[in-house]
N, C-alpha and C. Protein backbone atom coordinates (compact mmCIF):
# COMPACT_ATOMS: atom_id res chain seq x y z
N MET A 1 28.66 -81.67 147.39
CA MET A 1 27.70 -80.86 146.63
C MET A 1 28.45 -80.08 145.56
N ILE A 2 27.94 -80.13 144.31
CA ILE A 2 28.58 -79.44 143.20
C ILE A 2 28.22 -77.96 143.24
N ASN A 3 29.24 -77.08 143.11
CA ASN A 3 28.99 -75.65 143.21
C ASN A 3 28.65 -75.00 141.87
N GLY A 4 29.05 -75.60 140.75
CA GLY A 4 28.76 -74.95 139.49
C GLY A 4 29.19 -75.75 138.28
N LYS A 5 29.06 -75.12 137.10
CA LYS A 5 29.42 -75.76 135.85
C LYS A 5 30.30 -74.84 135.04
N LEU A 6 31.19 -75.46 134.27
CA LEU A 6 32.00 -74.73 133.30
C LEU A 6 31.58 -75.17 131.90
N HIS A 7 31.23 -74.19 131.04
CA HIS A 7 30.84 -74.47 129.65
C HIS A 7 32.00 -74.09 128.74
N PHE A 8 32.50 -75.07 127.99
CA PHE A 8 33.62 -74.84 127.09
C PHE A 8 33.12 -74.57 125.67
N GLN A 9 33.99 -74.03 124.82
CA GLN A 9 33.61 -73.67 123.47
C GLN A 9 33.16 -74.86 122.63
N ASP A 10 33.67 -76.05 122.95
CA ASP A 10 33.24 -77.23 122.19
C ASP A 10 31.93 -77.82 122.74
N GLU A 11 31.28 -77.02 123.61
CA GLU A 11 29.97 -77.36 124.18
C GLU A 11 30.02 -78.44 125.25
N THR A 12 31.22 -78.86 125.64
CA THR A 12 31.30 -79.79 126.76
C THR A 12 31.11 -79.01 128.07
N VAL A 13 30.67 -79.72 129.07
CA VAL A 13 30.38 -79.10 130.35
C VAL A 13 31.15 -79.86 131.45
N ALA A 14 31.76 -79.13 132.35
CA ALA A 14 32.49 -79.73 133.47
C ALA A 14 31.88 -79.25 134.78
N LEU A 15 31.59 -80.21 135.66
CA LEU A 15 31.10 -79.86 137.00
C LEU A 15 32.29 -79.60 137.91
N PHE A 16 32.15 -78.67 138.83
CA PHE A 16 33.29 -78.35 139.69
C PHE A 16 32.86 -77.92 141.08
N ASP A 17 33.77 -78.12 142.01
CA ASP A 17 33.62 -77.57 143.36
C ASP A 17 34.43 -76.28 143.49
N VAL A 18 35.63 -76.32 142.89
CA VAL A 18 36.53 -75.17 142.97
C VAL A 18 37.21 -74.97 141.63
N VAL A 19 37.38 -73.74 141.21
CA VAL A 19 38.12 -73.41 140.00
C VAL A 19 39.31 -72.54 140.40
N MET A 20 40.49 -72.92 139.95
CA MET A 20 41.67 -72.11 140.23
C MET A 20 42.09 -71.39 138.96
N ILE A 21 42.26 -70.08 139.06
CA ILE A 21 42.65 -69.26 137.92
C ILE A 21 43.98 -68.60 138.25
N ALA A 22 45.02 -68.92 137.49
CA ALA A 22 46.33 -68.32 137.68
C ALA A 22 46.39 -67.03 136.87
N THR A 23 46.26 -65.90 137.55
CA THR A 23 46.13 -64.62 136.86
C THR A 23 47.45 -63.88 136.71
N GLY A 24 48.46 -64.29 137.48
CA GLY A 24 49.65 -63.46 137.52
C GLY A 24 49.29 -62.12 138.13
N SER A 25 49.84 -61.05 137.61
CA SER A 25 49.54 -59.72 138.14
C SER A 25 48.73 -58.90 137.14
N SER A 26 47.92 -59.58 136.30
CA SER A 26 47.15 -58.90 135.27
C SER A 26 46.02 -58.06 135.88
N PRO A 27 46.08 -56.74 135.79
CA PRO A 27 45.03 -55.87 136.34
C PRO A 27 43.66 -56.16 135.72
N ALA A 28 43.65 -56.47 134.42
CA ALA A 28 42.38 -56.71 133.73
C ALA A 28 41.66 -57.93 134.30
N VAL A 29 42.41 -59.02 134.55
CA VAL A 29 41.80 -60.22 135.11
C VAL A 29 41.36 -59.98 136.54
N TRP A 30 42.14 -59.22 137.29
CA TRP A 30 41.77 -58.91 138.67
C TRP A 30 40.46 -58.12 138.71
N GLN A 31 40.32 -57.17 137.79
CA GLN A 31 39.08 -56.38 137.74
C GLN A 31 37.90 -57.26 137.37
N LEU A 32 38.13 -58.22 136.47
CA LEU A 32 37.07 -59.14 136.08
C LEU A 32 36.62 -59.98 137.28
N LEU A 33 37.55 -60.52 138.00
CA LEU A 33 37.22 -61.34 139.17
C LEU A 33 36.50 -60.53 140.23
N GLN A 34 36.93 -59.26 140.38
CA GLN A 34 36.27 -58.41 141.36
C GLN A 34 34.83 -58.12 140.96
N SER A 35 34.60 -57.99 139.67
CA SER A 35 33.24 -57.72 139.18
C SER A 35 32.31 -58.90 139.40
N LEU A 36 32.91 -60.10 139.60
CA LEU A 36 32.10 -61.29 139.86
C LEU A 36 31.76 -61.44 141.34
N GLY A 37 32.22 -60.48 142.14
CA GLY A 37 31.89 -60.50 143.55
C GLY A 37 32.82 -61.34 144.40
N LEU A 38 33.98 -61.73 143.84
CA LEU A 38 34.93 -62.53 144.60
C LEU A 38 35.71 -61.66 145.58
N LYS A 39 36.09 -62.24 146.71
CA LYS A 39 36.87 -61.54 147.71
C LYS A 39 38.35 -61.84 147.52
N MET A 40 39.17 -60.85 147.82
CA MET A 40 40.60 -61.03 147.61
C MET A 40 41.33 -61.21 148.95
N VAL A 41 42.20 -62.23 148.98
CA VAL A 41 43.16 -62.38 150.07
C VAL A 41 44.41 -61.62 149.62
N GLU A 42 44.80 -60.61 150.36
CA GLU A 42 45.89 -59.75 149.92
C GLU A 42 47.11 -60.55 149.47
N PRO A 43 47.55 -60.38 148.24
CA PRO A 43 48.73 -61.10 147.76
C PRO A 43 50.01 -60.52 148.35
N VAL A 44 50.89 -61.39 148.78
CA VAL A 44 52.19 -60.96 149.31
C VAL A 44 53.28 -61.79 148.63
N PRO A 45 54.51 -61.29 148.57
CA PRO A 45 55.60 -62.04 147.94
C PRO A 45 55.84 -63.39 148.62
N SER A 46 56.19 -64.37 147.83
CA SER A 46 56.50 -65.71 148.34
C SER A 46 57.65 -66.28 147.52
N LEU A 47 58.33 -67.28 148.08
CA LEU A 47 59.48 -67.88 147.40
C LEU A 47 60.54 -66.85 147.03
N PHE A 48 61.09 -66.21 148.05
CA PHE A 48 62.12 -65.19 147.79
C PHE A 48 63.38 -65.50 148.58
N THR A 49 64.47 -64.84 148.22
CA THR A 49 65.75 -65.04 148.89
C THR A 49 65.90 -64.02 150.02
N PHE A 50 66.89 -64.25 150.89
CA PHE A 50 67.10 -63.39 152.05
C PHE A 50 68.31 -62.49 151.86
N ASN A 51 68.15 -61.22 152.18
CA ASN A 51 69.26 -60.28 152.15
C ASN A 51 69.88 -60.18 153.54
N ILE A 52 71.18 -60.34 153.63
CA ILE A 52 71.90 -60.27 154.90
C ILE A 52 73.10 -59.34 154.71
N LYS A 53 73.16 -58.28 155.49
CA LYS A 53 74.22 -57.29 155.32
C LYS A 53 75.48 -57.72 156.06
N ASP A 54 76.32 -58.44 155.35
CA ASP A 54 77.57 -58.95 155.91
C ASP A 54 78.54 -59.12 154.76
N ARG A 55 79.48 -58.18 154.61
CA ARG A 55 80.38 -58.22 153.44
C ARG A 55 81.27 -59.45 153.43
N PHE A 56 81.54 -60.02 154.61
CA PHE A 56 82.35 -61.24 154.66
C PHE A 56 81.53 -62.44 154.18
N LEU A 57 80.23 -62.40 154.45
CA LEU A 57 79.35 -63.46 153.97
C LEU A 57 79.27 -63.43 152.44
N TYR A 58 79.28 -62.24 151.86
CA TYR A 58 79.20 -62.11 150.40
C TYR A 58 80.36 -62.80 149.71
N GLU A 59 81.50 -62.90 150.40
CA GLU A 59 82.67 -63.55 149.81
C GLU A 59 82.47 -65.06 149.63
N LEU A 60 81.39 -65.60 150.23
CA LEU A 60 81.08 -67.02 150.08
C LEU A 60 80.14 -67.26 148.90
N ALA A 61 79.81 -66.22 148.16
CA ALA A 61 78.86 -66.33 147.05
C ALA A 61 79.20 -67.50 146.12
N GLY A 62 78.21 -68.33 145.86
CA GLY A 62 78.40 -69.48 144.99
C GLY A 62 78.64 -70.77 145.75
N ILE A 63 78.97 -70.67 147.03
CA ILE A 63 79.19 -71.86 147.86
C ILE A 63 77.85 -72.37 148.39
N SER A 64 77.68 -73.67 148.41
CA SER A 64 76.44 -74.24 148.92
C SER A 64 76.75 -75.25 150.02
N VAL A 65 75.76 -75.48 150.87
CA VAL A 65 75.83 -76.51 151.90
C VAL A 65 74.69 -77.49 151.61
N GLU A 66 75.04 -78.76 151.53
CA GLU A 66 74.08 -79.76 151.05
C GLU A 66 72.84 -79.90 151.92
N GLN A 67 72.98 -79.80 153.23
CA GLN A 67 71.83 -79.97 154.11
C GLN A 67 71.98 -79.09 155.35
N VAL A 68 71.02 -78.20 155.55
CA VAL A 68 70.98 -77.37 156.75
C VAL A 68 69.58 -77.42 157.33
N SER A 69 69.48 -76.96 158.56
CA SER A 69 68.18 -76.80 159.22
C SER A 69 68.11 -75.34 159.65
N ILE A 70 67.04 -74.66 159.28
CA ILE A 70 66.92 -73.24 159.62
C ILE A 70 65.58 -72.98 160.30
N HIS A 71 65.57 -71.99 161.17
CA HIS A 71 64.28 -71.57 161.74
C HIS A 71 64.37 -70.11 162.15
N ILE A 72 63.21 -69.52 162.33
CA ILE A 72 63.12 -68.12 162.74
C ILE A 72 62.70 -68.08 164.20
N PRO A 73 63.61 -67.70 165.10
CA PRO A 73 63.29 -67.65 166.53
C PRO A 73 62.04 -66.81 166.80
N GLY A 74 61.22 -67.30 167.72
CA GLY A 74 60.00 -66.58 168.05
C GLY A 74 58.82 -66.97 167.20
N THR A 75 59.04 -67.84 166.21
CA THR A 75 57.96 -68.34 165.35
C THR A 75 58.07 -69.86 165.26
N LYS A 76 57.11 -70.48 164.59
CA LYS A 76 57.14 -71.91 164.36
C LYS A 76 57.72 -72.24 162.98
N LEU A 77 58.24 -71.24 162.30
CA LEU A 77 58.74 -71.43 160.94
C LEU A 77 60.08 -72.16 160.94
N LYS A 78 60.10 -73.32 160.27
CA LYS A 78 61.32 -74.13 160.15
C LYS A 78 61.39 -74.72 158.75
N ALA A 79 62.60 -75.04 158.31
CA ALA A 79 62.78 -75.69 157.01
C ALA A 79 64.13 -76.38 156.98
N GLU A 80 64.24 -77.38 156.11
CA GLU A 80 65.51 -78.08 155.92
C GLU A 80 65.77 -78.22 154.42
N GLY A 81 67.04 -78.39 154.08
CA GLY A 81 67.40 -78.60 152.69
C GLY A 81 68.70 -77.89 152.36
N PRO A 82 69.09 -77.88 151.09
CA PRO A 82 70.33 -77.21 150.67
C PRO A 82 70.24 -75.70 150.86
N LEU A 83 71.40 -75.08 151.10
CA LEU A 83 71.48 -73.63 151.25
C LEU A 83 72.57 -73.11 150.33
N LEU A 84 72.32 -71.96 149.71
CA LEU A 84 73.28 -71.35 148.79
C LEU A 84 73.60 -69.93 149.25
N PHE A 85 74.89 -69.62 149.32
CA PHE A 85 75.31 -68.25 149.63
C PHE A 85 75.32 -67.43 148.33
N THR A 86 74.88 -66.18 148.43
CA THR A 86 74.81 -65.31 147.25
C THR A 86 75.55 -64.00 147.52
N HIS A 87 75.56 -63.13 146.51
CA HIS A 87 76.22 -61.83 146.66
C HIS A 87 75.42 -60.89 147.53
N TRP A 88 74.21 -61.29 147.91
CA TRP A 88 73.39 -60.42 148.77
C TRP A 88 72.94 -61.11 150.06
N GLY A 89 73.24 -62.41 150.19
CA GLY A 89 72.83 -63.10 151.41
C GLY A 89 72.72 -64.60 151.21
N MET A 90 71.49 -65.10 151.27
CA MET A 90 71.28 -66.55 151.21
C MET A 90 70.09 -66.91 150.33
N SER A 91 70.21 -68.07 149.68
CA SER A 91 69.14 -68.59 148.84
C SER A 91 69.19 -70.12 148.95
N GLY A 92 68.61 -70.79 147.95
CA GLY A 92 68.60 -72.25 147.97
C GLY A 92 67.26 -72.79 148.46
N PRO A 93 67.01 -74.08 148.27
CA PRO A 93 65.73 -74.69 148.63
C PRO A 93 65.28 -74.45 150.07
N ALA A 94 66.21 -74.51 151.04
CA ALA A 94 65.81 -74.30 152.44
C ALA A 94 65.24 -72.90 152.64
N ILE A 95 65.91 -71.90 152.08
CA ILE A 95 65.47 -70.51 152.22
C ILE A 95 64.15 -70.30 151.48
N LEU A 96 64.05 -70.83 150.27
CA LEU A 96 62.83 -70.63 149.49
C LEU A 96 61.62 -71.29 150.15
N LYS A 97 61.82 -72.47 150.72
CA LYS A 97 60.72 -73.14 151.43
C LYS A 97 60.26 -72.32 152.63
N LEU A 98 61.23 -71.81 153.37
CA LEU A 98 60.88 -71.03 154.55
C LEU A 98 60.13 -69.75 154.17
N SER A 99 60.57 -69.11 153.10
CA SER A 99 59.91 -67.87 152.67
C SER A 99 58.51 -68.14 152.12
N ALA A 100 58.30 -69.33 151.55
CA ALA A 100 56.97 -69.68 151.04
C ALA A 100 56.01 -69.97 152.19
N TRP A 101 56.44 -70.81 153.14
CA TRP A 101 55.57 -71.17 154.26
C TRP A 101 55.31 -69.98 155.18
N GLY A 102 56.28 -69.07 155.25
CA GLY A 102 56.14 -67.94 156.17
C GLY A 102 55.87 -66.62 155.48
N ALA A 103 55.36 -66.66 154.26
CA ALA A 103 55.20 -65.44 153.46
C ALA A 103 54.47 -64.32 154.21
N ARG A 104 53.36 -64.65 154.85
CA ARG A 104 52.58 -63.61 155.53
C ARG A 104 53.24 -63.15 156.82
N ILE A 105 53.83 -64.08 157.56
CA ILE A 105 54.51 -63.72 158.80
C ILE A 105 55.70 -62.81 158.50
N LEU A 106 56.46 -63.16 157.46
CA LEU A 106 57.65 -62.36 157.11
C LEU A 106 57.25 -60.97 156.60
N LYS A 107 56.09 -60.89 155.94
CA LYS A 107 55.57 -59.59 155.52
C LYS A 107 55.26 -58.74 156.75
N GLU A 108 54.64 -59.35 157.76
CA GLU A 108 54.32 -58.64 159.00
C GLU A 108 55.58 -58.17 159.72
N LEU A 109 56.66 -58.95 159.58
CA LEU A 109 57.93 -58.59 160.21
C LEU A 109 58.72 -57.57 159.38
N ARG A 110 58.13 -57.19 158.24
CA ARG A 110 58.76 -56.23 157.32
C ARG A 110 60.11 -56.73 156.83
N TYR A 111 60.22 -58.03 156.71
CA TYR A 111 61.43 -58.68 156.19
C TYR A 111 62.69 -58.30 156.97
N ASP A 112 62.51 -58.13 158.27
CA ASP A 112 63.62 -57.84 159.18
C ASP A 112 63.46 -58.77 160.38
N PHE A 113 64.28 -59.81 160.43
CA PHE A 113 64.08 -60.83 161.46
C PHE A 113 65.36 -61.65 161.66
N PRO A 114 65.48 -62.33 162.82
CA PRO A 114 66.65 -63.19 163.07
C PRO A 114 66.47 -64.54 162.37
N LEU A 115 67.57 -65.15 162.01
CA LEU A 115 67.56 -66.46 161.37
C LEU A 115 68.60 -67.34 162.04
N SER A 116 68.19 -68.50 162.50
CA SER A 116 69.10 -69.44 163.14
C SER A 116 69.39 -70.59 162.18
N ILE A 117 70.68 -70.92 162.00
CA ILE A 117 71.07 -71.95 161.03
C ILE A 117 71.91 -73.04 161.70
N CYS A 118 71.52 -74.29 161.47
CA CYS A 118 72.32 -75.44 161.87
C CYS A 118 72.95 -76.02 160.62
N PHE A 119 74.28 -75.96 160.53
CA PHE A 119 74.98 -76.46 159.35
C PHE A 119 75.30 -77.95 159.45
N LEU A 120 75.12 -78.54 160.63
CA LEU A 120 75.43 -79.96 160.84
C LEU A 120 74.22 -80.62 161.48
N THR A 121 73.28 -81.03 160.66
CA THR A 121 72.00 -81.53 161.18
C THR A 121 72.11 -82.89 161.87
N ASP A 122 73.20 -83.59 161.64
CA ASP A 122 73.37 -84.92 162.27
C ASP A 122 74.15 -84.87 163.58
N GLU A 123 74.58 -83.69 163.97
CA GLU A 123 75.40 -83.56 165.18
C GLU A 123 74.59 -82.96 166.33
N SER A 124 74.93 -83.39 167.55
CA SER A 124 74.35 -82.81 168.76
C SER A 124 75.42 -81.94 169.42
N ASP A 125 75.02 -81.17 170.42
CA ASP A 125 76.00 -80.36 171.15
C ASP A 125 77.12 -81.24 171.71
N GLU A 126 76.72 -82.35 172.31
CA GLU A 126 77.70 -83.22 172.97
C GLU A 126 78.66 -83.85 171.97
N SER A 127 78.13 -84.40 170.87
CA SER A 127 78.99 -85.09 169.91
C SER A 127 79.94 -84.12 169.21
N LEU A 128 79.45 -82.92 168.90
CA LEU A 128 80.30 -81.95 168.21
C LEU A 128 81.37 -81.39 169.15
N THR A 129 80.99 -81.12 170.39
CA THR A 129 81.98 -80.64 171.36
C THR A 129 83.08 -81.67 171.56
N GLU A 130 82.69 -82.92 171.66
CA GLU A 130 83.67 -83.99 171.82
C GLU A 130 84.60 -84.08 170.62
N LEU A 131 84.02 -83.94 169.41
CA LEU A 131 84.83 -83.99 168.19
C LEU A 131 85.84 -82.84 168.17
N LEU A 132 85.39 -81.63 168.45
CA LEU A 132 86.28 -80.46 168.39
C LEU A 132 87.39 -80.57 169.44
N LYS A 133 87.06 -81.05 170.62
CA LYS A 133 88.08 -81.20 171.67
C LYS A 133 89.08 -82.29 171.32
N SER A 134 88.62 -83.35 170.66
CA SER A 134 89.54 -84.42 170.26
C SER A 134 90.50 -83.93 169.18
N ILE A 135 89.99 -83.10 168.27
CA ILE A 135 90.85 -82.52 167.23
C ILE A 135 91.86 -81.57 167.86
N ARG A 136 91.43 -80.85 168.88
CA ARG A 136 92.33 -79.92 169.56
C ARG A 136 93.58 -80.63 170.09
N HIS A 137 93.43 -81.87 170.50
CA HIS A 137 94.56 -82.65 171.00
C HIS A 137 95.28 -83.42 169.88
N ALA A 138 94.50 -84.02 168.99
CA ALA A 138 95.11 -84.86 167.95
C ALA A 138 95.86 -84.04 166.90
N GLU A 139 95.36 -82.83 166.62
CA GLU A 139 95.98 -81.99 165.59
C GLU A 139 96.47 -80.68 166.20
N ALA A 140 97.04 -80.78 167.38
CA ALA A 140 97.39 -79.61 168.19
C ALA A 140 98.23 -78.57 167.46
N LYS A 141 99.17 -78.98 166.61
CA LYS A 141 100.10 -78.05 165.99
C LYS A 141 99.61 -77.49 164.65
N LYS A 142 98.47 -77.95 164.20
CA LYS A 142 97.95 -77.47 162.91
C LYS A 142 97.14 -76.19 163.10
N HIS A 143 97.20 -75.32 162.09
CA HIS A 143 96.40 -74.11 162.13
C HIS A 143 94.92 -74.47 162.01
N VAL A 144 94.09 -73.79 162.76
CA VAL A 144 92.65 -74.06 162.69
C VAL A 144 92.11 -73.74 161.30
N SER A 145 92.73 -72.79 160.62
CA SER A 145 92.25 -72.39 159.30
C SER A 145 92.60 -73.38 158.21
N SER A 146 93.64 -74.17 158.43
CA SER A 146 94.10 -75.10 157.39
C SER A 146 93.60 -76.52 157.60
N PHE A 147 93.08 -76.79 158.81
CA PHE A 147 92.59 -78.14 159.08
C PHE A 147 91.18 -78.07 159.66
N SER A 148 90.20 -78.50 158.85
CA SER A 148 88.81 -78.51 159.30
C SER A 148 88.35 -79.95 159.47
N PRO A 149 87.73 -80.28 160.59
CA PRO A 149 87.20 -81.63 160.80
C PRO A 149 85.81 -81.81 160.19
N ILE A 150 85.29 -80.75 159.57
CA ILE A 150 83.93 -80.79 159.03
C ILE A 150 83.99 -80.90 157.51
N ALA A 151 83.87 -82.10 157.00
CA ALA A 151 84.00 -82.33 155.55
C ALA A 151 82.89 -81.67 154.75
N ALA A 152 81.73 -81.44 155.38
CA ALA A 152 80.58 -80.89 154.64
C ALA A 152 80.75 -79.41 154.31
N LEU A 153 81.73 -78.75 154.91
CA LEU A 153 81.91 -77.31 154.71
C LEU A 153 83.17 -77.02 153.90
N SER A 154 83.07 -76.06 153.00
CA SER A 154 84.24 -75.65 152.22
C SER A 154 85.22 -74.92 153.14
N LYS A 155 86.46 -74.77 152.67
CA LYS A 155 87.48 -74.09 153.47
C LYS A 155 87.08 -72.64 153.73
N ARG A 156 86.56 -71.96 152.70
CA ARG A 156 86.16 -70.57 152.87
C ARG A 156 85.05 -70.43 153.89
N HIS A 157 84.09 -71.35 153.84
CA HIS A 157 82.99 -71.32 154.80
C HIS A 157 83.50 -71.61 156.21
N TRP A 158 84.37 -72.58 156.33
CA TRP A 158 84.95 -72.92 157.63
C TRP A 158 85.68 -71.72 158.24
N ASN A 159 86.49 -71.04 157.44
CA ASN A 159 87.23 -69.89 157.94
C ASN A 159 86.29 -68.74 158.32
N TYR A 160 85.21 -68.59 157.56
CA TYR A 160 84.21 -67.57 157.89
C TYR A 160 83.60 -67.85 159.26
N LEU A 161 83.28 -69.10 159.54
CA LEU A 161 82.69 -69.47 160.82
C LEU A 161 83.70 -69.29 161.97
N LEU A 162 84.97 -69.57 161.70
CA LEU A 162 86.00 -69.33 162.71
C LEU A 162 86.04 -67.84 163.08
N GLN A 163 85.97 -66.98 162.09
CA GLN A 163 85.99 -65.55 162.34
C GLN A 163 84.75 -65.11 163.12
N ARG A 164 83.60 -65.67 162.77
CA ARG A 164 82.38 -65.34 163.51
C ARG A 164 82.49 -65.78 164.98
N ALA A 165 83.24 -66.85 165.21
CA ALA A 165 83.42 -67.36 166.57
C ALA A 165 84.50 -66.58 167.32
N GLY A 166 85.12 -65.62 166.64
CA GLY A 166 86.16 -64.81 167.28
C GLY A 166 87.49 -65.51 167.41
N ILE A 167 87.75 -66.49 166.54
CA ILE A 167 88.99 -67.26 166.60
C ILE A 167 89.98 -66.77 165.54
N ASP A 168 91.18 -66.46 165.96
CA ASP A 168 92.24 -66.00 165.05
C ASP A 168 92.59 -67.13 164.09
N LEU A 169 92.56 -66.85 162.80
CA LEU A 169 92.84 -67.88 161.79
C LEU A 169 94.27 -68.41 161.86
N LYS A 170 95.15 -67.64 162.50
CA LYS A 170 96.54 -68.08 162.63
C LYS A 170 96.77 -68.96 163.85
N SER A 171 95.72 -69.15 164.64
CA SER A 171 95.86 -69.96 165.86
C SER A 171 96.06 -71.43 165.50
N ASN A 172 96.78 -72.12 166.35
CA ASN A 172 96.85 -73.58 166.26
C ASN A 172 95.68 -74.17 167.03
N TRP A 173 95.34 -75.41 166.71
CA TRP A 173 94.25 -76.06 167.43
C TRP A 173 94.52 -76.10 168.93
N ALA A 174 95.77 -76.26 169.31
CA ALA A 174 96.12 -76.33 170.73
C ALA A 174 95.83 -75.01 171.46
N ASP A 175 95.74 -73.92 170.70
CA ASP A 175 95.51 -72.61 171.32
C ASP A 175 94.06 -72.37 171.71
N LEU A 176 93.16 -73.20 171.20
CA LEU A 176 91.74 -72.96 171.46
C LEU A 176 91.38 -73.28 172.91
N SER A 177 90.66 -72.36 173.52
CA SER A 177 90.17 -72.57 174.88
C SER A 177 88.83 -73.30 174.81
N ASN A 178 88.35 -73.74 175.96
CA ASN A 178 87.03 -74.36 176.01
C ASN A 178 85.95 -73.38 175.55
N LYS A 179 86.16 -72.09 175.85
CA LYS A 179 85.22 -71.06 175.41
C LYS A 179 85.21 -70.95 173.89
N ASP A 180 86.39 -71.04 173.27
CA ASP A 180 86.48 -71.00 171.80
C ASP A 180 85.73 -72.18 171.19
N VAL A 181 85.93 -73.35 171.77
CA VAL A 181 85.26 -74.57 171.28
C VAL A 181 83.75 -74.42 171.38
N LEU A 182 83.27 -73.87 172.50
CA LEU A 182 81.83 -73.67 172.69
C LEU A 182 81.27 -72.68 171.68
N GLN A 183 82.00 -71.59 171.45
CA GLN A 183 81.54 -70.59 170.50
C GLN A 183 81.51 -71.14 169.08
N LEU A 184 82.52 -71.93 168.73
CA LEU A 184 82.55 -72.54 167.40
C LEU A 184 81.42 -73.54 167.23
N MET A 185 81.14 -74.31 168.26
CA MET A 185 80.02 -75.25 168.22
C MET A 185 78.71 -74.51 167.99
N ASN A 186 78.53 -73.38 168.67
CA ASN A 186 77.31 -72.60 168.50
C ASN A 186 77.16 -72.08 167.08
N GLU A 187 78.28 -71.66 166.48
CA GLU A 187 78.23 -71.17 165.09
C GLU A 187 77.85 -72.29 164.12
N LEU A 188 78.29 -73.49 164.42
CA LEU A 188 78.00 -74.62 163.55
C LEU A 188 76.57 -75.15 163.71
N LEU A 189 76.05 -75.09 164.93
CA LEU A 189 74.75 -75.69 165.20
C LEU A 189 73.61 -74.69 165.33
N ARG A 190 73.91 -73.45 165.65
CA ARG A 190 72.83 -72.47 165.84
C ARG A 190 73.34 -71.06 165.57
N GLY A 191 73.99 -70.88 164.43
CA GLY A 191 74.49 -69.56 164.09
C GLY A 191 73.35 -68.57 163.91
N ASN A 192 73.52 -67.37 164.44
CA ASN A 192 72.47 -66.35 164.36
C ASN A 192 72.82 -65.31 163.30
N TYR A 193 71.89 -65.08 162.38
CA TYR A 193 72.08 -64.12 161.29
C TYR A 193 70.89 -63.16 161.30
N ARG A 194 71.10 -61.97 160.79
CA ARG A 194 70.02 -60.99 160.72
C ARG A 194 69.62 -60.76 159.27
N VAL A 195 68.38 -61.12 158.97
CA VAL A 195 67.86 -60.89 157.62
C VAL A 195 67.27 -59.49 157.57
N GLN A 196 67.70 -58.72 156.59
CA GLN A 196 67.20 -57.35 156.43
C GLN A 196 66.84 -57.12 154.97
N GLY A 197 65.71 -57.68 154.60
CA GLY A 197 65.24 -57.51 153.23
C GLY A 197 65.15 -58.83 152.50
N LYS A 198 64.53 -58.77 151.33
CA LYS A 198 64.31 -59.95 150.49
C LYS A 198 64.69 -59.63 149.06
N SER A 199 64.40 -60.56 148.16
CA SER A 199 64.59 -60.31 146.74
C SER A 199 63.90 -59.01 146.36
N THR A 200 64.50 -58.25 145.46
CA THR A 200 63.87 -56.99 145.05
C THR A 200 62.55 -57.25 144.36
N PHE A 201 61.66 -56.26 144.37
CA PHE A 201 60.32 -56.39 143.80
C PHE A 201 60.38 -56.92 142.37
N LYS A 202 59.50 -57.85 142.08
CA LYS A 202 59.38 -58.51 140.77
C LYS A 202 60.37 -59.66 140.60
N ASP A 203 61.29 -59.84 141.55
CA ASP A 203 62.21 -60.98 141.47
C ASP A 203 61.64 -62.21 142.15
N GLU A 204 60.55 -62.04 142.92
CA GLU A 204 59.96 -63.19 143.59
C GLU A 204 59.41 -64.16 142.55
N PHE A 205 59.37 -65.45 142.89
CA PHE A 205 58.89 -66.45 141.95
C PHE A 205 57.37 -66.47 141.87
N VAL A 206 56.71 -66.36 143.02
CA VAL A 206 55.24 -66.42 143.06
C VAL A 206 54.76 -65.47 144.15
N THR A 207 53.43 -65.33 144.23
CA THR A 207 52.83 -64.58 145.32
C THR A 207 51.92 -65.50 146.11
N CYS A 208 51.69 -65.13 147.36
CA CYS A 208 50.78 -65.86 148.24
C CYS A 208 49.51 -65.01 148.40
N GLY A 209 48.37 -65.58 148.04
CA GLY A 209 47.11 -64.83 148.13
C GLY A 209 46.40 -64.82 146.80
N GLY A 210 45.33 -64.02 146.72
CA GLY A 210 44.58 -63.92 145.48
C GLY A 210 43.09 -63.84 145.75
N TRP A 211 42.30 -64.14 144.71
CA TRP A 211 40.85 -63.99 144.79
C TRP A 211 40.20 -65.31 145.17
N ARG A 212 39.09 -65.23 145.89
CA ARG A 212 38.36 -66.46 146.25
C ARG A 212 36.87 -66.18 146.31
């Protein structure tokens, strides 16, 4: 069933079911739409980056990981794609997708929530543990900081994850205990980060919501 007609200046007429009007944040257009009796779905920020308070993480600014899997524990929000480290936290397609799909949920959480990141989407707990233990024997005398078995990660990122796992960068691979290997595996497959804030106001790309 057709809901209405649009009359254009050249006298042509278009039948429509739905009309979408991209208003931006224009108060004048919002007032016009309100005068037509339309109801508003509260607009909230969407497509924004994540702020993470970790000065060591900031040192990775500019480094990207080609493919990660991220999710917010306690919700159904998940996303995959490239990730970019910034001077304030994290960005990139994976983060932007998650912030778009979860715009309203993240608003309810006041942009303070846990974030779980898998940096090796093709690895399982078993396969990665086996790899790390094999390296521990094959490259026993090499420093963990100078020899990374994970080609997808930069040296700076690898060393950052070692520190998060509580591993001394001066250690040799032979020095790692089974507990160290387990902790490093967890950082690679399910690292936990705390998001505390988003892009500053007006830096968001779009908003979620509007008039209907």
